Amino acid sequence: MDIALFSPSSLFVDSDGDGTSAEEGNIESNQNFEERRHRFPGMELLIREFSFHQLNANLLWPGTFAFIEWLVHHRSWMDGRKVIELGSGTGALAIFLHKSFQVDITTSDYDDAEIEENIAYNCQI
């Protein structure tokens, strides 16, 4: 199994408007998506999820929300850290960590262009 590593921080638009656009390099796909609003501590995120994906990268797992609650209660542990997320799926956890803690985060998942494009899309919205 091949694993891809990439940093969603490079997918966010810079304040001057430069950066990767979700429309750039749009990948042809037969996948269907659903956008759902998810409540996280201090924010609500609109996350596009696959209706189905063969690699199971389709939905936010319930453990994501429990882990985020734990991180919020241990906020000081995040100060100045570099983070690697294994099995990023939609990128929701990475987006939350970037917005809440301004951490340097690298995500990983299967080496799958559709998963990477979906994470990039979620970072844009």
Protein backbone atom coordinates (compact mmCIF):
# COMPACT_ATOMS: atom_id res chain seq x y z
CA MET A 1 0.00 0.00 0.00
CA ASP A 2 1.39 3.39 -1.00
CA ILE A 3 0.99 6.30 1.42
CA ALA A 4 1.00 9.95 0.38
CA LEU A 5 2.26 12.70 2.67
CA PHE A 6 1.28 16.28 2.06
CA SER A 7 0.77 19.40 4.11
CA PRO A 8 -2.68 21.01 4.01
CA SER A 9 -1.12 24.29 5.10
CA SER A 10 0.15 24.59 1.54
CA LEU A 11 -3.43 24.17 0.34
CA PHE A 12 -4.81 27.18 2.20
CA VAL A 13 -5.04 30.45 0.28
CA ASP A 14 -2.55 33.02 1.48
CA SER A 15 -3.85 36.35 2.73
CA ASP A 16 -2.82 37.93 -0.59
CA GLY A 17 -5.03 35.46 -2.47
CA ASP A 18 -2.24 33.23 -3.79
CA GLY A 19 -2.37 29.54 -3.18
CA THR A 20 -3.85 26.40 -4.53
CA SER A 21 -7.42 26.69 -5.68
CA ALA A 22 -9.80 23.78 -5.27
CA GLU A 23 -10.75 24.29 -8.91
CA GLU A 24 -7.14 24.13 -10.18
CA GLY A 25 -6.18 20.67 -11.28
CA ASN A 26 -9.75 19.49 -10.79
CA ILE A 27 -9.75 15.71 -10.98
CA GLU A 28 -12.28 13.90 -13.13
CA SER A 29 -14.22 11.54 -10.93
CA ASN A 30 -17.33 9.46 -10.80
CA GLN A 31 -17.44 10.04 -7.04
CA ASN A 32 -20.43 11.78 -5.52
CA PHE A 33 -20.00 14.08 -2.57
CA GLU A 34 -22.10 15.43 0.25
CA GLU A 35 -21.28 18.61 2.13
CA ARG A 36 -22.07 18.47 5.84
CA ARG A 37 -21.72 21.02 8.61
CA HIS A 38 -19.85 19.68 11.62
CA ARG A 39 -19.65 21.42 14.98
CA PHE A 40 -16.23 21.56 16.57
CA PRO A 41 -15.29 23.44 19.74
CA GLY A 42 -15.42 27.13 18.83
CA MET A 43 -16.29 26.65 15.17
CA GLU A 44 -18.45 25.00 12.61
CA LEU A 45 -16.82 23.56 9.49
CA LEU A 46 -18.42 22.73 6.17
CA ILE A 47 -16.75 19.48 5.08
CA ARG A 48 -17.23 17.75 1.76
CA GLU A 49 -17.34 14.00 2.24
CA PHE A 50 -17.48 11.21 -0.31
CA SER A 51 -20.85 9.49 -0.55
CA PHE A 52 -18.71 6.40 -1.09
CA HIS A 53 -14.99 5.88 -1.55
CA GLN A 54 -13.34 2.51 -2.10
CA LEU A 55 -10.57 3.36 0.40
CA ASN A 56 -13.04 4.29 3.18
CA ALA A 57 -12.11 7.98 3.14
CA ASN A 58 -15.74 8.94 2.93
CA LEU A 59 -16.92 10.14 6.37
CA LEU A 60 -15.63 11.77 9.54
CA TRP A 61 -15.16 9.10 12.14
CA PRO A 62 -16.78 9.62 15.56
CA GLY A 63 -13.34 9.31 17.17
CA THR A 64 -12.35 12.57 15.47
CA PHE A 65 -14.74 14.52 17.69
CA ALA A 66 -13.61 12.77 20.89
CA PHE A 67 -9.96 13.41 20.01
CA ILE A 68 -10.65 17.09 19.30
CA GLU A 69 -12.37 17.47 22.68
CA TRP A 70 -9.32 15.90 24.34
CA LEU A 71 -6.96 18.25 22.47
CA VAL A 72 -8.98 21.30 23.49
CA HIS A 73 -8.66 20.25 27.15
CA HIS A 74 -4.90 19.76 26.71
CA ARG A 75 -4.34 22.86 24.58
CA SER A 76 -0.90 23.60 26.07
CA TRP A 77 0.41 20.31 24.69
CA MET A 78 -0.05 21.70 21.17
CA ASP A 79 2.11 24.83 21.64
CA GLY A 80 4.98 24.86 19.17
CA ARG A 81 4.40 21.28 18.01
CA LYS A 82 4.71 19.72 14.61
CA VAL A 83 1.90 17.24 14.02
CA ILE A 84 1.45 14.32 11.64
CA GLU A 85 -2.06 13.02 11.08
CA LEU A 86 -2.30 9.43 9.93
CA GLY A 87 -5.36 8.60 7.84
CA SER A 88 -6.57 12.13 7.19
CA GLY A 89 -9.59 11.20 5.06
CA THR A 90 -11.44 14.51 4.62
CA GLY A 91 -8.79 16.71 6.26
CA ALA A 92 -11.27 17.95 8.89
CA LEU A 93 -8.95 17.30 11.85
CA ALA A 94 -6.04 19.03 10.10
CA ILE A 95 -8.25 22.02 9.26
CA PHE A 96 -9.44 22.28 12.87
CA LEU A 97 -5.86 22.06 14.21
CA HIS A 98 -4.63 24.66 11.72
CA LYS A 99 -7.42 27.10 12.59
CA SER A 100 -7.44 26.52 16.35
CA PHE A 101 -3.79 25.96 17.25
CA GLN A 102 -1.86 27.27 14.21
CA VAL A 103 0.25 24.10 14.29
CA ASP A 104 2.54 22.89 11.53
CA ILE A 105 0.63 19.80 10.40
CA THR A 106 1.31 17.15 7.81
CA THR A 107 -1.45 14.76 6.81
CA SER A 108 -1.19 11.30 5.35
CA ASP A 109 -3.55 8.86 3.73
CA TYR A 110 -3.57 6.43 0.84
CA ASP A 111 -1.77 7.67 -2.26
CA ASP A 112 -5.06 8.56 -3.94
CA ALA A 113 -5.57 11.69 -6.04
CA GLU A 114 -9.28 11.93 -5.17
CA ILE A 115 -8.57 11.97 -1.42
CA GLU A 116 -5.87 14.62 -1.85
CA GLU A 117 -8.14 16.74 -4.04
CA ASN A 118 -10.98 16.48 -1.52
CA ILE A 119 -8.73 17.59 1.34
CA ALA A 120 -7.57 20.54 -0.81
CA TYR A 121 -11.21 21.41 -1.55
CA ASN A 122 -12.11 21.29 2.17
CA CYS A 123 -9.16 23.53 3.03
CA GLN A 124 -10.46 26.10 0.54
CA ILE A 125 -14.03 26.18 1.82
